[in-house]
């Protein structure tokens, strides 16, 4: 029994770095920028919601990038701790954009640290 427990522990220790290695990889995602509150609670989106979305994210509501052709979403993060998202994100709310940055997944939530927006 001790051998089995030791083998399980060793396997976990050896495999864990591989599981975390995928985080932080460069990725480009094309999709629509949505404010997490209005989109998540009311389904509000589109050109008629643009002014509201800009106002919401300017006040600190998180920005969600909904990937085109999928239902996958990413919470966008600034590239520096304690900094706001770039204006190139805020002013393009409700638009389709391509965001490039480092991808992280924690507890089933996908994040993208913004490096560039096109």
PDB file of N, CA and C in Angstrom:
ATOM      1  N   UNK A   1       0.824  -1.193   0.000  1.00  0.00           N
ATOM      2  CA  UNK A   1       0.000   0.000   0.000  1.00  0.00           C
ATOM      3  C   UNK A   1       0.865   1.252   0.000  1.00  0.00           C
ATOM      4  N   UNK A   2       1.959   1.226   0.780  1.00  0.00           N
ATOM      5  CA  UNK A   2       2.847   2.386   0.827  1.00  0.00           C
ATOM      6  C   UNK A   2       3.494   2.619  -0.528  1.00  0.00           C
ATOM      7  N   UNK A   3       3.830   1.520  -1.218  1.00  0.00           N
ATOM      8  CA  UNK A   3       4.440   1.650  -2.550  1.00  0.00           C
ATOM      9  C   UNK A   3       3.465   2.320  -3.519  1.00  0.00           C
ATOM     10  N   UNK A   4       2.200   1.936  -3.440  1.00  0.00           N
ATOM     11  CA  UNK A   4       1.188   2.519  -4.321  1.00  0.00           C
ATOM     12  C   UNK A   4       1.013   4.012  -4.025  1.00  0.00           C
ATOM     13  N   UNK A   5       0.974   4.382  -2.765  1.00  0.00           N
ATOM     14  CA  UNK A   5       0.848   5.791  -2.390  1.00  0.00           C
ATOM     15  C   UNK A   5       2.061   6.584  -2.840  1.00  0.00           C
ATOM     16  N   UNK A   6       3.252   5.989  -2.669  1.00  0.00           N
ATOM     17  CA  UNK A   6       4.489   6.659  -3.098  1.00  0.00           C
ATOM     18  C   UNK A   6       4.505   6.843  -4.607  1.00  0.00           C
ATOM     19  N   UNK A   7       4.077   5.836  -5.356  1.00  0.00           N
ATOM     20  CA  UNK A   7       4.028   5.938  -6.822  1.00  0.00           C
ATOM     21  C   UNK A   7       3.044   7.039  -7.255  1.00  0.00           C
ATOM     22  N   UNK A   8       1.894   7.096  -6.586  1.00  0.00           N
ATOM     23  CA  UNK A   8       0.906   8.129  -6.917  1.00  0.00           C
ATOM     24  C   UNK A   8       1.470   9.509  -6.650  1.00  0.00           C
ATOM     25  N   UNK A   9       2.159   9.676  -5.525  1.00  0.00           N
ATOM     26  CA  UNK A   9       2.761  10.962  -5.185  1.00  0.00           C
ATOM     27  C   UNK A   9       3.824  11.354  -6.200  1.00  0.00           C
ATOM     28  N   UNK A  10       4.683  10.414  -6.559  1.00  0.00           N
ATOM     29  CA  UNK A  10       5.740  10.703  -7.542  1.00  0.00           C
ATOM     30  C   UNK A  10       5.147  11.056  -8.899  1.00  0.00           C
ATOM     31  N   UNK A  11       4.118  10.344  -9.301  1.00  0.00           N
ATOM     32  CA  UNK A  11       3.475  10.632 -10.584  1.00  0.00           C
ATOM     33  C   UNK A  11       2.878  12.035 -10.575  1.00  0.00           C
ATOM     34  N   UNK A  12       2.223  12.399  -9.480  1.00  0.00           N
ATOM     35  CA  UNK A  12       1.634  13.735  -9.355  1.00  0.00           C
ATOM     36  C   UNK A  12       2.703  14.809  -9.425  1.00  0.00           C
ATOM     37  N   UNK A  13       3.792  14.614  -8.719  1.00  0.00           N
ATOM     38  CA  UNK A  13       4.879  15.598  -8.701  1.00  0.00           C
ATOM     39  C   UNK A  13       5.509  15.734 -10.081  1.00  0.00           C
ATOM     40  N   UNK A  14       5.614  14.645 -10.807  1.00  0.00           N
ATOM     41  CA  UNK A  14       6.240  14.681 -12.134  1.00  0.00           C
ATOM     42  C   UNK A  14       5.303  15.275 -13.180  1.00  0.00           C
ATOM     43  N   UNK A  15       3.992  15.032 -13.064  1.00  0.00           N
ATOM     44  CA  UNK A  15       3.036  15.479 -14.071  1.00  0.00           C
ATOM     45  C   UNK A  15       2.581  16.914 -13.819  1.00  0.00           C
ATOM     46  N   UNK A  16       2.550  17.365 -12.584  1.00  0.00           N
ATOM     47  CA  UNK A  16       2.050  18.704 -12.255  1.00  0.00           C
ATOM     48  C   UNK A  16       2.728  19.806 -13.050  1.00  0.00           C
ATOM     49  N   UNK A  17       4.076  19.829 -13.170  1.00  0.00           N
ATOM     50  CA  UNK A  17       4.686  20.910 -13.960  1.00  0.00           C
ATOM     51  C   UNK A  17       4.230  20.916 -15.413  1.00  0.00           C
ATOM     52  N   UNK A  18       3.947  19.749 -15.978  1.00  0.00           N
ATOM     53  CA  UNK A  18       3.470  19.685 -17.358  1.00  0.00           C
ATOM     54  C   UNK A  18       2.088  20.303 -17.452  1.00  0.00           C
ATOM     55  N   UNK A  19       1.231  20.055 -16.477  1.00  0.00           N
ATOM     56  CA  UNK A  19      -0.123  20.613 -16.493  1.00  0.00           C
ATOM     57  C   UNK A  19      -0.098  22.133 -16.415  1.00  0.00           C
ATOM     58  N   UNK A  20       0.824  22.694 -15.646  1.00  0.00           N
ATOM     59  CA  UNK A  20       0.893  24.137 -15.502  1.00  0.00           C
ATOM     60  C   UNK A  20       1.693  24.800 -16.615  1.00  0.00           C
ATOM     61  N   UNK A  21       2.469  24.044 -17.363  1.00  0.00           N
ATOM     62  CA  UNK A  21       3.298  24.614 -18.426  1.00  0.00           C
ATOM     63  C   UNK A  21       2.453  25.243 -19.530  1.00  0.00           C
ATOM     64  N   UNK A  22       1.227  24.741 -19.726  1.00  0.00           N
ATOM     65  CA  UNK A  22       0.370  25.284 -20.777  1.00  0.00           C
ATOM     66  C   UNK A  22      -0.058  26.715 -20.467  1.00  0.00           C
ATOM     67  N   UNK A  23      -0.136  27.063 -19.199  1.00  0.00           N
ATOM     68  CA  UNK A  23      -0.515  28.425 -18.830  1.00  0.00           C
ATOM     69  C   UNK A  23       0.579  29.402 -19.224  1.00  0.00           C
ATOM     70  N   UNK A  24       0.168  30.570 -19.648  1.00  0.00           N
ATOM     71  CA  UNK A  24       1.124  31.606 -19.987  1.00  0.00           C
ATOM     72  C   UNK A  24       1.620  31.538 -21.410  1.00  0.00           C
ATOM     73  N   UNK A  25       1.015  30.692 -22.225  1.00  0.00           N
ATOM     74  CA  UNK A  25       1.400  30.620 -23.630  1.00  0.00           C
ATOM     75  C   UNK A  25       0.772  31.766 -24.405  1.00  0.00           C
ATOM     76  N   UNK A  26       1.494  32.260 -25.391  1.00  0.00           N
ATOM     77  CA  UNK A  26       1.000  33.324 -26.270  1.00  0.00           C
ATOM     78  C   UNK A  26      -0.182  32.798 -27.078  1.00  0.00           C
ATOM     79  N   UNK A  27      -1.236  33.605 -27.165  1.00  0.00           N
ATOM     80  CA  UNK A  27      -2.420  33.199 -27.915  1.00  0.00           C
ATOM     81  C   UNK A  27      -3.097  34.429 -28.495  1.00  0.00           C
ATOM     82  N   UNK A  28      -3.672  34.284 -29.693  1.00  0.00           N
ATOM     83  CA  UNK A  28      -4.489  35.330 -30.306  1.00  0.00           C
ATOM     84  C   UNK A  28      -5.915  34.815 -30.390  1.00  0.00           C
ATOM     85  N   UNK A  29      -6.852  35.633 -29.932  1.00  0.00           N
ATOM     86  CA  UNK A  29      -8.265  35.251 -29.925  1.00  0.00           C
ATOM     87  C   UNK A  29      -9.059  36.352 -30.608  1.00  0.00           C
ATOM     88  N   UNK A  30      -9.903  35.967 -31.563  1.00  0.00           N
ATOM     89  CA  UNK A  30     -10.781  36.915 -32.241  1.00  0.00           C
ATOM     90  C   UNK A  30     -12.186  36.729 -31.694  1.00  0.00           C
ATOM     91  N   UNK A  31     -12.798  37.846 -31.322  1.00  0.00           N
ATOM     92  CA  UNK A  31     -14.152  37.779 -30.792  1.00  0.00           C
ATOM     93  C   UNK A  31     -14.679  39.150 -30.448  1.00  0.00           C
ATOM     94  N   UNK A  32     -15.820  39.189 -29.766  1.00  0.00           N
ATOM     95  CA  UNK A  32     -16.460  40.450 -29.388  1.00  0.00           C
ATOM     96  C   UNK A  32     -16.150  40.795 -27.943  1.00  0.00           C
ATOM     97  N   UNK A  33     -15.929  42.091 -27.700  1.00  0.00           N
ATOM     98  CA  UNK A  33     -15.671  42.592 -26.351  1.00  0.00           C
ATOM     99  C   UNK A  33     -17.004  42.925 -25.681  1.00  0.00           C
ATOM    100  N   UNK A  34     -17.245  42.346 -24.524  1.00  0.00           N
ATOM    101  CA  UNK A  34     -18.486  42.556 -23.783  1.00  0.00           C
ATOM    102  C   UNK A  34     -18.169  42.942 -22.345  1.00  0.00           C
ATOM    103  N   UNK A  35     -19.031  43.775 -21.746  1.00  0.00           N
ATOM    104  CA  UNK A  35     -18.850  44.029 -20.316  1.00  0.00           C
ATOM    105  C   UNK A  35     -19.515  42.874 -19.579  1.00  0.00           C
ATOM    106  N   UNK A  36     -18.814  42.335 -18.600  1.00  0.00           N
ATOM    107  CA  UNK A  36     -19.242  41.102 -17.946  1.00  0.00           C
ATOM    108  C   UNK A  36     -20.578  41.233 -17.219  1.00  0.00           C
ATOM    109  N   UNK A  37     -20.876  42.407 -16.686  1.00  0.00           N
ATOM    110  CA  UNK A  37     -22.122  42.551 -15.926  1.00  0.00           C
ATOM    111  C   UNK A  37     -23.345  42.518 -16.834  1.00  0.00           C
ATOM    112  N   UNK A  38     -23.417  43.413 -17.769  1.00  0.00           N
ATOM    113  CA  UNK A  38     -24.608  43.496 -18.627  1.00  0.00           C
ATOM    114  C   UNK A  38     -24.766  42.250 -19.498  1.00  0.00           C
ATOM    115  N   UNK A  39     -23.663  41.763 -20.044  1.00  0.00           N
ATOM    116  CA  UNK A  39     -23.710  40.572 -20.895  1.00  0.00           C
ATOM    117  C   UNK A  39     -24.089  39.355 -20.062  1.00  0.00           C
ATOM    118  N   UNK A  40     -23.451  39.220 -18.892  1.00  0.00           N
ATOM    119  CA  UNK A  40     -23.680  38.044 -18.067  1.00  0.00           C
ATOM    120  C   UNK A  40     -25.030  38.002 -17.386  1.00  0.00           C
ATOM    121  N   UNK A  41     -25.550  39.150 -16.974  1.00  0.00           N
ATOM    122  CA  UNK A  41     -26.806  39.158 -16.226  1.00  0.00           C
ATOM    123  C   UNK A  41     -28.036  39.411 -17.088  1.00  0.00           C
ATOM    124  N   UNK A  42     -27.877  40.156 -18.192  1.00  0.00           N
ATOM    125  CA  UNK A  42     -29.038  40.511 -19.011  1.00  0.00           C
ATOM    126  C   UNK A  42     -28.907  40.094 -20.464  1.00  0.00           C
ATOM    127  N   UNK A  43     -27.721  39.631 -20.862  1.00  0.00           N
ATOM    128  CA  UNK A  43     -27.513  39.280 -22.266  1.00  0.00           C
ATOM    129  C   UNK A  43     -27.371  40.487 -23.165  1.00  0.00           C
ATOM    130  N   UNK A  44     -27.160  41.672 -22.577  1.00  0.00           N
ATOM    131  CA  UNK A  44     -27.036  42.898 -23.376  1.00  0.00           C
ATOM    132  C   UNK A  44     -25.758  42.861 -24.196  1.00  0.00           C
ATOM    133  N   UNK A  45     -25.888  43.180 -25.486  1.00  0.00           N
ATOM    134  CA  UNK A  45     -24.732  43.211 -26.376  1.00  0.00           C
ATOM    135  C   UNK A  45     -25.119  43.910 -27.660  1.00  0.00           C
ATOM    136  N   UNK A  46     -24.112  44.206 -28.470  1.00  0.00           N
ATOM    137  CA  UNK A  46     -24.365  44.807 -29.768  1.00  0.00           C
ATOM    138  C   UNK A  46     -24.133  46.304 -29.781  1.00  0.00           C
ATOM    139  N   UNK A  47     -24.271  46.877 -30.972  1.00  0.00           N
ATOM    140  CA  UNK A  47     -23.982  48.295 -31.183  1.00  0.00           C
ATOM    141  C   UNK A  47     -24.810  49.205 -30.284  1.00  0.00           C
ATOM    142  N   UNK A  48     -26.068  48.844 -30.010  1.00  0.00           N
ATOM    143  CA  UNK A  48     -26.927  49.659 -29.162  1.00  0.00           C
ATOM    144  C   UNK A  48     -26.497  49.665 -27.696  1.00  0.00           C
ATOM    145  N   UNK A  49     -25.601  48.767 -27.348  1.00  0.00           N
ATOM    146  CA  UNK A  49     -25.124  48.669 -25.965  1.00  0.00           C
ATOM    147  C   UNK A  49     -23.715  49.250 -25.800  1.00  0.00           C
ATOM    148  N   UNK A  50     -23.130  49.732 -26.872  1.00  0.00           N
ATOM    149  CA  UNK A  50     -21.736  50.186 -26.847  1.00  0.00           C
ATOM    150  C   UNK A  50     -21.471  51.266 -25.795  1.00  0.00           C
ATOM    151  N   UNK A  51     -22.269  52.308 -25.758  1.00  0.00           N
ATOM    152  CA  UNK A  51     -22.041  53.405 -24.805  1.00  0.00           C
ATOM    153  C   UNK A  51     -22.129  52.905 -23.363  1.00  0.00           C
ATOM    154  N   UNK A  52     -23.090  52.042 -23.092  1.00  0.00           N
ATOM    155  CA  UNK A  52     -23.245  51.482 -21.747  1.00  0.00           C
ATOM    156  C   UNK A  52     -22.033  50.617 -21.396  1.00  0.00           C
ATOM    157  N   UNK A  53     -21.586  49.793 -22.336  1.00  0.00           N
ATOM    158  CA  UNK A  53     -20.436  48.913 -22.089  1.00  0.00           C
ATOM    159  C   UNK A  53     -19.179  49.727 -21.795  1.00  0.00           C
ATOM    160  N   UNK A  54     -18.961  50.798 -22.547  1.00  0.00           N
ATOM    161  CA  UNK A  54     -17.793  51.659 -22.305  1.00  0.00           C
ATOM    162  C   UNK A  54     -17.881  52.267 -20.911  1.00  0.00           C
ATOM    163  N   UNK A  55     -19.066  52.724 -20.537  1.00  0.00           N
ATOM    164  CA  UNK A  55     -19.258  53.312 -19.210  1.00  0.00           C
ATOM    165  C   UNK A  55     -19.008  52.275 -18.117  1.00  0.00           C
ATOM    166  N   UNK A  56     -19.540  51.086 -18.291  1.00  0.00           N
ATOM    167  CA  UNK A  56     -19.366  50.028 -17.290  1.00  0.00           C
ATOM    168  C   UNK A  56     -17.903  49.656 -17.093  1.00  0.00           C
ATOM    169  N   UNK A  57     -17.189  49.410 -18.190  1.00  0.00           N
ATOM    170  CA  UNK A  57     -15.791  48.983 -18.034  1.00  0.00           C
ATOM    171  C   UNK A  57     -14.910  50.129 -17.558  1.00  0.00           C
ATOM    172  N   UNK A  58     -15.296  51.352 -17.877  1.00  0.00           N
ATOM    173  CA  UNK A  58     -14.546  52.506 -17.367  1.00  0.00           C
ATOM    174  C   UNK A  58     -14.663  52.616 -15.848  1.00  0.00           C
ATOM    175  N   UNK A  59     -15.754  52.082 -15.302  1.00  0.00           N
ATOM    176  CA  UNK A  59     -15.979  52.098 -13.855  1.00  0.00           C
ATOM    177  C   UNK A  59     -15.388  50.870 -13.171  1.00  0.00           C
ATOM    178  N   UNK A  60     -14.835  49.935 -13.963  1.00  0.00           N
ATOM    179  CA  UNK A  60     -14.172  48.775 -13.365  1.00  0.00           C
ATOM    180  C   UNK A  60     -14.835  47.429 -13.577  1.00  0.00           C
ATOM    181  N   UNK A  61     -15.952  47.387 -14.306  1.00  0.00           N
ATOM    182  CA  UNK A  61     -16.581  46.099 -14.609  1.00  0.00           C
ATOM    183  C   UNK A  61     -15.621  45.312 -15.509  1.00  0.00           C
ATOM    184  N   UNK A  62     -15.415  44.028 -15.259  1.00  0.00           N
ATOM    185  CA  UNK A  62     -14.498  43.230 -16.085  1.00  0.00           C
ATOM    186  C   UNK A  62     -14.945  43.145 -17.546  1.00  0.00           C
ATOM    187  N   UNK A  63     -13.965  43.020 -18.425  1.00  0.00           N
ATOM    188  CA  UNK A  63     -14.217  42.854 -19.858  1.00  0.00           C
ATOM    189  C   UNK A  63     -14.091  41.378 -20.197  1.00  0.00           C
ATOM    190  N   UNK A  64     -15.076  40.892 -20.940  1.00  0.00           N
ATOM    191  CA  UNK A  64     -15.076  39.507 -21.401  1.00  0.00           C
ATOM    192  C   UNK A  64     -14.937  39.509 -22.917  1.00  0.00           C
ATOM    193  N   UNK A  65     -14.045  38.688 -23.417  1.00  0.00           N
ATOM    194  CA  UNK A  65     -13.890  38.492 -24.860  1.00  0.00           C
ATOM    195  C   UNK A  65     -14.572  37.180 -25.205  1.00  0.00           C
ATOM    196  N   UNK A  66     -15.639  37.249 -26.017  1.00  0.00           N
ATOM    197  CA  UNK A  66     -16.380  36.066 -26.435  1.00  0.00           C
ATOM    198  C   UNK A  66     -15.809  35.634 -27.783  1.00  0.00           C
ATOM    199  N   UNK A  67     -15.152  34.488 -27.799  1.00  0.00           N
ATOM    200  CA  UNK A  67     -14.471  34.014 -29.008  1.00  0.00           C
ATOM    201  C   UNK A  67     -15.471  33.715 -30.121  1.00  0.00           C
ATOM    202  N   UNK A  68     -15.174  34.213 -31.327  1.00  0.00           N
ATOM    203  CA  UNK A  68     -16.032  33.994 -32.492  1.00  0.00           C
ATOM    204  C   UNK A  68     -16.130  32.510 -32.817  1.00  0.00           C
ATOM    205  N   UNK A  69     -17.338  32.070 -33.148  1.00  0.00           N
ATOM    206  CA  UNK A  69     -17.554  30.692 -33.563  1.00  0.00           C
ATOM    207  C   UNK A  69     -17.597  29.693 -32.417  1.00  0.00           C
ATOM    208  N   UNK A  70     -17.446  30.157 -31.192  1.00  0.00           N
ATOM    209  CA  UNK A  70     -17.507  29.273 -30.029  1.00  0.00           C
ATOM    210  C   UNK A  70     -18.296  29.991 -28.945  1.00  0.00           C
ATOM    211  N   UNK A  71     -18.477  29.333 -27.854  1.00  0.00           N
ATOM    212  CA  UNK A  71     -19.072  29.984 -26.694  1.00  0.00           C
ATOM    213  C   UNK A  71     -18.014  30.194 -25.623  1.00  0.00           C
ATOM    214  N   UNK A  72     -16.754  30.062 -25.999  1.00  0.00           N
ATOM    215  CA  UNK A  72     -15.668  30.232 -25.047  1.00  0.00           C
ATOM    216  C   UNK A  72     -15.460  31.717 -24.760  1.00  0.00           C
ATOM    217  N   UNK A  73     -15.230  32.028 -23.500  1.00  0.00           N
ATOM    218  CA  UNK A  73     -15.004  33.418 -23.132  1.00  0.00           C
ATOM    219  C   UNK A  73     -13.729  33.544 -22.314  1.00  0.00           C
ATOM    220  N   UNK A  74     -13.119  34.716 -22.412  1.00  0.00           N
ATOM    221  CA  UNK A  74     -11.901  35.041 -21.685  1.00  0.00           C
ATOM    222  C   UNK A  74     -12.128  36.323 -20.906  1.00  0.00           C
ATOM    223  N   UNK A  75     -11.691  36.341 -19.672  1.00  0.00           N
ATOM    224  CA  UNK A  75     -11.659  37.576 -18.915  1.00  0.00           C
ATOM    225  C   UNK A  75     -10.337  38.246 -19.263  1.00  0.00           C
ATOM    226  N   UNK A  76     -10.404  39.502 -19.698  1.00  0.00           N
ATOM    227  CA  UNK A  76      -9.195  40.208 -20.097  1.00  0.00           C
ATOM    228  C   UNK A  76      -8.553  40.877 -18.892  1.00  0.00           C
ATOM    229  N   UNK A  77      -7.238  40.780 -18.834  1.00  0.00           N
ATOM    230  CA  UNK A  77      -6.464  41.365 -17.741  1.00  0.00           C
ATOM    231  C   UNK A  77      -5.422  42.322 -18.309  1.00  0.00           C
ATOM    232  N   UNK A  78      -5.098  43.375 -17.569  1.00  0.00           N
ATOM    233  CA  UNK A  78      -4.029  44.281 -18.019  1.00  0.00           C
ATOM    234  C   UNK A  78      -2.686  43.566 -17.943  1.00  0.00           C
ATOM    235  N   UNK A  79      -1.704  44.076 -18.677  1.00  0.00           N
ATOM    236  CA  UNK A  79      -0.399  43.411 -18.686  1.00  0.00           C
ATOM    237  C   UNK A  79       0.475  43.792 -17.501  1.00  0.00           C
ATOM    238  N   UNK A  80      -0.043  44.626 -16.604  1.00  0.00           N
ATOM    239  CA  UNK A  80       0.700  45.008 -15.409  1.00  0.00           C
ATOM    240  C   UNK A  80      -0.275  45.067 -14.238  1.00  0.00           C
ATOM    241  N   UNK A  81       0.119  44.480 -13.131  1.00  0.00           N
ATOM    242  CA  UNK A  81      -0.720  44.457 -11.938  1.00  0.00           C
ATOM    243  C   UNK A  81      -1.108  45.875 -11.515  1.00  0.00           C
ATOM    244  N   UNK A  82      -2.326  46.033 -11.027  1.00  0.00           N
ATOM    245  CA  UNK A  82      -2.856  47.312 -10.530  1.00  0.00           C
ATOM    246  C   UNK A  82      -2.922  48.390 -11.606  1.00  0.00           C
ATOM    247  N   UNK A  83      -3.079  47.970 -12.862  1.00  0.00           N
ATOM    248  CA  UNK A  83      -3.214  48.901 -13.981  1.00  0.00           C
ATOM    249  C   UNK A  83      -4.566  48.680 -14.652  1.00  0.00           C
ATOM    250  N   UNK A  84      -5.103  49.709 -15.295  1.00  0.00           N
ATOM    251  CA  UNK A  84      -6.356  49.512 -16.034  1.00  0.00           C
ATOM    252  C   UNK A  84      -6.084  48.815 -17.368  1.00  0.00           C
ATOM    253  N   UNK A  85      -7.138  48.293 -17.969  1.00  0.00           N
ATOM    254  CA  UNK A  85      -7.006  47.769 -19.323  1.00  0.00           C
ATOM    255  C   UNK A  85      -6.683  48.927 -20.256  1.00  0.00           C
ATOM    256  N   UNK A  86      -6.007  48.660 -21.361  1.00  0.00           N
ATOM    257  CA  UNK A  86      -5.673  49.748 -22.279  1.00  0.00           C
ATOM    258  C   UNK A  86      -6.917  50.375 -22.904  1.00  0.00           C
ATOM    259  N   UNK A  87      -6.797  51.640 -23.244  1.00  0.00           N
ATOM    260  CA  UNK A  87      -7.893  52.367 -23.886  1.00  0.00           C
ATOM    261  C   UNK A  87      -8.298  51.701 -25.199  1.00  0.00           C
ATOM    262  N   UNK A  88      -7.379  51.015 -25.850  1.00  0.00           N
ATOM    263  CA  UNK A  88      -7.690  50.324 -27.109  1.00  0.00           C
ATOM    264  C   UNK A  88      -8.712  49.205 -26.890  1.00  0.00           C
ATOM    265  N   UNK A  89      -8.855  48.738 -25.668  1.00  0.00           N
ATOM    266  CA  UNK A  89      -9.905  47.773 -25.329  1.00  0.00           C
ATOM    267  C   UNK A  89     -11.187  48.531 -24.989  1.00  0.00           C
ATOM    268  N   UNK A  90     -11.083  49.482 -24.085  1.00  0.00           N
ATOM    269  CA  UNK A  90     -12.267  50.191 -23.580  1.00  0.00           C
ATOM    270  C   UNK A  90     -13.049  50.862 -24.705  1.00  0.00           C
ATOM    271  N   UNK A  91     -12.365  51.526 -25.619  1.00  0.00           N
ATOM    272  CA  UNK A  91     -13.047  52.247 -26.696  1.00  0.00           C
ATOM    273  C   UNK A  91     -13.603  51.324 -27.773  1.00  0.00           C
ATOM    274  N   UNK A  92     -13.247  50.044 -27.731  1.00  0.00           N
ATOM    275  CA  UNK A  92     -13.728  49.116 -28.760  1.00  0.00           C
ATOM    276  C   UNK A  92     -14.720  48.095 -28.219  1.00  0.00           C
ATOM    277  N   UNK A  93     -15.327  48.438 -27.079  1.00  0.00           N
ATOM    278  CA  UNK A  93     -16.348  47.547 -26.524  1.00  0.00           C
ATOM    279  C   UNK A  93     -17.430  47.300 -27.572  1.00  0.00           C
ATOM    280  N   UNK A  94     -17.942  46.073 -27.594  1.00  0.00           N
ATOM    281  CA  UNK A  94     -18.976  45.613 -28.521  1.00  0.00           C
ATOM    282  C   UNK A  94     -18.469  45.435 -29.949  1.00  0.00           C
ATOM    283  N   UNK A  95     -17.187  45.660 -30.182  1.00  0.00           N
ATOM    284  CA  UNK A  95     -16.597  45.459 -31.505  1.00  0.00           C
ATOM    285  C   UNK A  95     -15.940  44.081 -31.573  1.00  0.00           C
ATOM    286  N   UNK A  96     -15.772  43.598 -32.800  1.00  0.00           N
ATOM    287  CA  UNK A  96     -14.986  42.377 -32.987  1.00  0.00           C
ATOM    288  C   UNK A  96     -13.527  42.783 -33.098  1.00  0.00           C
ATOM    289  N   UNK A  97     -12.680  42.146 -32.320  1.00  0.00           N
ATOM    290  CA  UNK A  97     -11.254  42.454 -32.280  1.00  0.00           C
ATOM    291  C   UNK A  97     -10.469  41.148 -32.197  1.00  0.00           C
ATOM    292  N   UNK A  98      -9.163  41.272 -32.392  1.00  0.00           N
ATOM    293  CA  UNK A  98      -8.255  40.158 -32.126  1.00  0.00           C
ATOM    294  C   UNK A  98      -7.323  40.611 -31.020  1.00  0.00           C
ATOM    295  N   UNK A  99      -7.370  39.899 -29.914  1.00  0.00           N
ATOM    296  CA  UNK A  99      -6.522  40.207 -28.772  1.00  0.00           C
ATOM    297  C   UNK A  99      -5.430  39.155 -28.696  1.00  0.00           C
ATOM    298  N   UNK A 100      -4.196  39.625 -28.575  1.00  0.00           N
ATOM    299  CA  UNK A 100      -3.059  38.727 -28.415  1.00  0.00           C
ATOM    300  C   UNK A 100      -2.484  38.946 -27.025  1.00  0.00           C
ATOM    301  N   UNK A 101      -2.168  37.851 -26.381  1.00  0.00           N
ATOM    302  CA  UNK A 101      -1.591  37.927 -25.046  1.00  0.00           C
ATOM    303  C   UNK A 101      -1.319  36.550 -24.492  1.00  0.00           C
ATOM    304  N   UNK A 102      -1.009  36.504 -23.223  1.00  0.00           N
ATOM    305  CA  UNK A 102      -0.730  35.236 -22.567  1.00  0.00           C
ATOM    306  C   UNK A 102      -2.018  34.683 -21.972  1.00  0.00           C
ATOM    307  N   UNK A 103      -2.236  33.392 -22.220  1.00  0.00           N
ATOM    308  CA  UNK A 103      -3.445  32.719 -21.753  1.00  0.00           C
ATOM    309  C   UNK A 103      -3.161  31.982 -20.446  1.00  0.00           C
ATOM    310  N   UNK A 104      -4.101  32.100 -19.511  1.00  0.00           N
ATOM    311  CA  UNK A 104      -4.023  31.396 -18.239  1.00  0.00           C
ATOM    312  C   UNK A 104      -5.387  30.791 -17.944  1.00  0.00           C
ATOM    313  N   UNK A 105      -5.407  29.636 -17.336  1.00  0.00           N
ATOM    314  CA  UNK A 105      -6.642  29.001 -16.905  1.00  0.00           C
ATOM    315  C   UNK A 105      -6.490  28.618 -15.443  1.00  0.00           C
ATOM    316  N   UNK A 106      -7.391  29.086 -14.632  1.00  0.00           N
ATOM    317  CA  UNK A 106      -7.397  28.786 -13.202  1.00  0.00           C
ATOM    318  C   UNK A 106      -8.819  28.455 -12.781  1.00  0.00           C
ATOM    319  N   UNK A 107      -8.988  27.320 -12.130  1.00  0.00           N
ATOM    320  CA  UNK A 107     -10.298  26.896 -11.603  1.00  0.00           C
ATOM    321  C   UNK A 107     -11.404  26.967 -12.646  1.00  0.00           C
ATOM    322  N   UNK A 108     -11.091  26.594 -13.881  1.00  0.00           N
ATOM    323  CA  UNK A 108     -12.084  26.564 -14.946  1.00  0.00           C
ATOM    324  C   UNK A 108     -12.377  27.904 -15.596  1.00  0.00           C
ATOM    325  N   UNK A 109     -11.657  28.962 -15.210  1.00  0.00           N
ATOM    326  CA  UNK A 109     -11.852  30.292 -15.791  1.00  0.00           C
ATOM    327  C   UNK A 109     -10.665  30.603 -16.700  1.00  0.00           C
ATOM    328  N   UNK A 110     -10.954  31.084 -17.907  1.00  0.00           N
ATOM    329  CA  UNK A 110      -9.906  31.429 -18.860  1.00  0.00           C
ATOM    330  C   UNK A 110      -9.634  32.928 -18.821  1.00  0.00           C
ATOM    331  N   UNK A 111      -8.358  33.275 -18.760  1.00  0.00           N
ATOM    332  CA  UNK A 111      -7.913  34.669 -18.717  1.00  0.00           C
ATOM    333  C   UNK A 111      -6.975  34.917 -19.881  1.00  0.00           C
ATOM    334  N   UNK A 112      -6.946  36.150 -20.368  1.00  0.00           N
ATOM    335  CA  UNK A 112      -6.005  36.555 -21.403  1.00  0.00           C
ATOM    336  C   UNK A 112      -5.408  37.891 -20.991  1.00  0.00           C
ATOM    337  N   UNK A 113      -4.092  37.902 -20.783  1.00  0.00           N
ATOM    338  CA  UNK A 113      -3.383  39.132 -20.423  1.00  0.00           C
ATOM    339  C   UNK A 113      -3.122  39.881 -21.713  1.00  0.00           C
ATOM    340  N   UNK A 114      -3.688  41.078 -21.848  1.00  0.00           N
ATOM    341  CA  UNK A 114      -3.663  41.835 -23.100  1.00  0.00           C
ATOM    342  C   UNK A 114      -2.268  42.375 -23.400  1.00  0.00           C
ATOM    343  N   UNK A 115      -1.743  41.991 -24.554  1.00  0.00           N
ATOM    344  CA  UNK A 115      -0.495  42.536 -25.054  1.00  0.00           C
ATOM    345  C   UNK A 115      -0.728  43.436 -26.262  1.00  0.00           C
ATOM    346  N   UNK A 116      -1.704  43.050 -27.114  1.00  0.00           N
ATOM    347  CA  UNK A 116      -2.051  43.882 -28.270  1.00  0.00           C
ATOM    348  C   UNK A 116      -3.496  43.634 -28.682  1.00  0.00           C
ATOM    349  N   UNK A 117      -4.058  44.637 -29.377  1.00  0.00           N
ATOM    350  CA  UNK A 117      -5.438  44.578 -29.848  1.00  0.00           C
ATOM    351  C   UNK A 117      -5.460  45.052 -31.299  1.00  0.00           C
ATOM    352  N   UNK A 118      -6.109  44.295 -32.154  1.00  0.00           N
ATOM    353  CA  UNK A 118      -6.249  44.691 -33.563  1.00  0.00           C
ATOM    354  C   UNK A 118      -7.706  44.643 -33.938  1.00  0.00           C
TER     355      UNK A 118
END
